[in-house]
């Protein structure tokens, strides 16, 4: 179970560190070709979403790694699950149905991570 958790957490971590880092560091013009929704959302909110993604990765990795409050890993995974549900809702409201495939995949991975985190 632990190996499966680390595989799923690693996949989620790589994706969210990349995407969250871009949202935190890049301008709206730089993000727009990859993330069309940034034109409809205030930039401060894009930065907050990026920070939440990065903090979610920290929540997935640090508690199980240190053994301190490992329940936080499950809560972080559930937070990422909620984030993807909201992201899918935004894409659907914009008529971007095919973009929700990635949201669905990340939603499932976050759910699996939450379930696997109960092993601690």
C-alpha atoms as a PDB file:
ATOM      1  CA  UNK A   1       0.000   0.000   0.000  1.00  0.00           C
ATOM      2  CA  UNK A   2       2.807   2.407   0.807  1.00  0.00           C
ATOM      3  CA  UNK A   3       4.516   1.859  -2.531  1.00  0.00           C
ATOM      4  CA  UNK A   4       1.225   2.460  -4.349  1.00  0.00           C
ATOM      5  CA  UNK A   5       0.697   5.642  -2.339  1.00  0.00           C
ATOM      6  CA  UNK A   6       4.138   6.975  -3.238  1.00  0.00           C
ATOM      7  CA  UNK A   7       3.588   6.229  -6.928  1.00  0.00           C
ATOM      8  CA  UNK A   8       0.255   8.065  -6.961  1.00  0.00           C
ATOM      9  CA  UNK A   9       1.578  10.901  -4.780  1.00  0.00           C
ATOM     10  CA  UNK A  10       4.601  11.216  -7.077  1.00  0.00           C
ATOM     11  CA  UNK A  11       2.405  11.507 -10.160  1.00  0.00           C
ATOM     12  CA  UNK A  12       0.162  14.070  -8.505  1.00  0.00           C
ATOM     13  CA  UNK A  13       3.157  15.914  -7.085  1.00  0.00           C
ATOM     14  CA  UNK A  14       4.895  16.210 -10.440  1.00  0.00           C
ATOM     15  CA  UNK A  15       1.759  17.512 -12.138  1.00  0.00           C
ATOM     16  CA  UNK A  16       0.784  19.975  -9.414  1.00  0.00           C
ATOM     17  CA  UNK A  17       4.310  21.305  -8.863  1.00  0.00           C
ATOM     18  CA  UNK A  18       4.594  21.993 -12.576  1.00  0.00           C
ATOM     19  CA  UNK A  19       1.136  23.517 -12.992  1.00  0.00           C
ATOM     20  CA  UNK A  20       1.104  25.326  -9.658  1.00  0.00           C
ATOM     21  CA  UNK A  21       4.589  26.692 -10.218  1.00  0.00           C
ATOM     22  CA  UNK A  22       3.572  28.080 -13.592  1.00  0.00           C
ATOM     23  CA  UNK A  23       0.464  29.708 -12.106  1.00  0.00           C
ATOM     24  CA  UNK A  24       2.487  31.311  -9.329  1.00  0.00           C
ATOM     25  CA  UNK A  25       5.423  32.498 -11.437  1.00  0.00           C
ATOM     26  CA  UNK A  26       4.154  33.332 -14.927  1.00  0.00           C
ATOM     27  CA  UNK A  27       2.130  36.236 -16.259  1.00  0.00           C
ATOM     28  CA  UNK A  28      -1.377  35.980 -17.665  1.00  0.00           C
ATOM     29  CA  UNK A  29       0.021  36.336 -21.193  1.00  0.00           C
ATOM     30  CA  UNK A  30       2.421  33.451 -20.663  1.00  0.00           C
ATOM     31  CA  UNK A  31      -0.282  31.225 -19.169  1.00  0.00           C
ATOM     32  CA  UNK A  32      -3.031  31.984 -21.703  1.00  0.00           C
ATOM     33  CA  UNK A  33      -1.824  29.641 -24.504  1.00  0.00           C
ATOM     34  CA  UNK A  34      -1.766  26.672 -22.121  1.00  0.00           C
ATOM     35  CA  UNK A  35      -4.616  27.683 -19.802  1.00  0.00           C
ATOM     36  CA  UNK A  36      -7.290  29.608 -21.678  1.00  0.00           C
ATOM     37  CA  UNK A  37      -9.383  30.052 -18.547  1.00  0.00           C
ATOM     38  CA  UNK A  38      -6.923  32.564 -17.044  1.00  0.00           C
ATOM     39  CA  UNK A  39      -8.567  35.278 -19.164  1.00  0.00           C
ATOM     40  CA  UNK A  40     -11.831  34.883 -17.231  1.00  0.00           C
ATOM     41  CA  UNK A  41     -10.366  34.618 -13.725  1.00  0.00           C
ATOM     42  CA  UNK A  42      -8.636  37.452 -11.828  1.00  0.00           C
ATOM     43  CA  UNK A  43      -4.868  36.975 -11.729  1.00  0.00           C
ATOM     44  CA  UNK A  44      -4.785  37.012  -7.932  1.00  0.00           C
ATOM     45  CA  UNK A  45      -7.070  33.965  -7.974  1.00  0.00           C
ATOM     46  CA  UNK A  46      -4.835  32.183 -10.500  1.00  0.00           C
ATOM     47  CA  UNK A  47      -1.906  32.781  -8.118  1.00  0.00           C
ATOM     48  CA  UNK A  48      -3.950  31.472  -5.150  1.00  0.00           C
ATOM     49  CA  UNK A  49      -4.877  28.337  -7.102  1.00  0.00           C
ATOM     50  CA  UNK A  50      -1.199  27.784  -7.909  1.00  0.00           C
ATOM     51  CA  UNK A  51      -0.237  28.221  -4.261  1.00  0.00           C
ATOM     52  CA  UNK A  52      -2.970  25.782  -3.184  1.00  0.00           C
ATOM     53  CA  UNK A  53      -1.645  23.221  -5.658  1.00  0.00           C
ATOM     54  CA  UNK A  54       1.907  23.580  -4.317  1.00  0.00           C
ATOM     55  CA  UNK A  55       0.694  23.354  -0.718  1.00  0.00           C
ATOM     56  CA  UNK A  56      -1.335  20.284  -1.670  1.00  0.00           C
ATOM     57  CA  UNK A  57       1.843  18.576  -2.856  1.00  0.00           C
ATOM     58  CA  UNK A  58       3.547  19.463   0.427  1.00  0.00           C
ATOM     59  CA  UNK A  59       0.562  17.955   2.243  1.00  0.00           C
ATOM     60  CA  UNK A  60       0.786  14.760   0.209  1.00  0.00           C
ATOM     61  CA  UNK A  61       4.515  14.294   0.746  1.00  0.00           C
ATOM     62  CA  UNK A  62       5.666  15.777   4.045  1.00  0.00           C
ATOM     63  CA  UNK A  63       3.326  14.158   6.612  1.00  0.00           C
ATOM     64  CA  UNK A  64       3.956  10.557   5.481  1.00  0.00           C
ATOM     65  CA  UNK A  65       7.646  11.250   4.950  1.00  0.00           C
ATOM     66  CA  UNK A  66       8.157  12.678   8.437  1.00  0.00           C
ATOM     67  CA  UNK A  67       5.552  10.602  10.253  1.00  0.00           C
ATOM     68  CA  UNK A  68       4.110  13.783  11.779  1.00  0.00           C
ATOM     69  CA  UNK A  69       0.314  14.009  11.496  1.00  0.00           C
ATOM     70  CA  UNK A  70       0.013  11.582   8.549  1.00  0.00           C
ATOM     71  CA  UNK A  71      -3.748  12.223   8.424  1.00  0.00           C
ATOM     72  CA  UNK A  72      -2.851  15.501   6.713  1.00  0.00           C
ATOM     73  CA  UNK A  73      -1.897  13.512   3.597  1.00  0.00           C
ATOM     74  CA  UNK A  74      -5.458  12.282   3.306  1.00  0.00           C
ATOM     75  CA  UNK A  75      -6.806  15.797   3.840  1.00  0.00           C
ATOM     76  CA  UNK A  76      -4.427  17.185   1.205  1.00  0.00           C
ATOM     77  CA  UNK A  77      -5.593  14.548  -1.280  1.00  0.00           C
ATOM     78  CA  UNK A  78      -9.216  15.391  -0.526  1.00  0.00           C
ATOM     79  CA  UNK A  79      -8.414  19.079  -1.037  1.00  0.00           C
ATOM     80  CA  UNK A  80      -6.923  18.311  -4.449  1.00  0.00           C
ATOM     81  CA  UNK A  81     -10.019  16.251  -5.229  1.00  0.00           C
ATOM     82  CA  UNK A  82     -12.225  19.276  -4.479  1.00  0.00           C
ATOM     83  CA  UNK A  83      -9.922  21.506  -6.534  1.00  0.00           C
ATOM     84  CA  UNK A  84     -10.357  19.241  -9.567  1.00  0.00           C
ATOM     85  CA  UNK A  85     -14.125  19.112  -9.141  1.00  0.00           C
ATOM     86  CA  UNK A  86     -14.192  22.919  -9.181  1.00  0.00           C
ATOM     87  CA  UNK A  87     -11.811  23.014 -12.157  1.00  0.00           C
ATOM     88  CA  UNK A  88     -14.050  20.637 -14.109  1.00  0.00           C
ATOM     89  CA  UNK A  89     -17.029  22.851 -13.271  1.00  0.00           C
ATOM     90  CA  UNK A  90     -15.183  25.891 -14.637  1.00  0.00           C
ATOM     91  CA  UNK A  91     -14.316  24.065 -17.867  1.00  0.00           C
ATOM     92  CA  UNK A  92     -17.883  22.831 -18.280  1.00  0.00           C
ATOM     93  CA  UNK A  93     -19.256  26.339 -17.701  1.00  0.00           C
ATOM     94  CA  UNK A  94     -16.988  27.550 -20.514  1.00  0.00           C
ATOM     95  CA  UNK A  95     -18.133  24.763 -22.862  1.00  0.00           C
ATOM     96  CA  UNK A  96     -14.712  23.063 -22.736  1.00  0.00           C
ATOM     97  CA  UNK A  97     -15.942  19.505 -22.362  1.00  0.00           C
ATOM     98  CA  UNK A  98     -12.848  17.804 -23.775  1.00  0.00           C
ATOM     99  CA  UNK A  99     -10.594  19.613 -21.277  1.00  0.00           C
ATOM    100  CA  UNK A 100     -12.348  17.843 -18.414  1.00  0.00           C
ATOM    101  CA  UNK A 101     -10.600  14.555 -19.222  1.00  0.00           C
ATOM    102  CA  UNK A 102      -7.466  15.673 -17.375  1.00  0.00           C
ATOM    103  CA  UNK A 103      -9.621  16.923 -14.497  1.00  0.00           C
ATOM    104  CA  UNK A 104     -11.287  13.524 -14.291  1.00  0.00           C
ATOM    105  CA  UNK A 105      -7.950  11.720 -14.283  1.00  0.00           C
ATOM    106  CA  UNK A 106      -6.548  13.968 -11.550  1.00  0.00           C
ATOM    107  CA  UNK A 107      -9.803  13.609  -9.594  1.00  0.00           C
ATOM    108  CA  UNK A 108      -9.488   9.816  -9.646  1.00  0.00           C
ATOM    109  CA  UNK A 109      -5.788   9.936  -8.718  1.00  0.00           C
ATOM    110  CA  UNK A 110      -6.521  12.270  -5.805  1.00  0.00           C
ATOM    111  CA  UNK A 111      -9.296   9.923  -4.644  1.00  0.00           C
ATOM    112  CA  UNK A 112      -6.930   6.958  -4.830  1.00  0.00           C
ATOM    113  CA  UNK A 113      -4.280   8.932  -2.907  1.00  0.00           C
ATOM    114  CA  UNK A 114      -6.835   9.788  -0.217  1.00  0.00           C
ATOM    115  CA  UNK A 115      -7.813   6.137   0.075  1.00  0.00           C
ATOM    116  CA  UNK A 116      -4.197   4.921   0.147  1.00  0.00           C
ATOM    117  CA  UNK A 117      -3.298   7.561   2.748  1.00  0.00           C
ATOM    118  CA  UNK A 118      -5.584   5.782   5.196  1.00  0.00           C
ATOM    119  CA  UNK A 119      -2.932   3.046   5.403  1.00  0.00           C
ATOM    120  CA  UNK A 120      -1.004   5.223   7.827  1.00  0.00           C
END
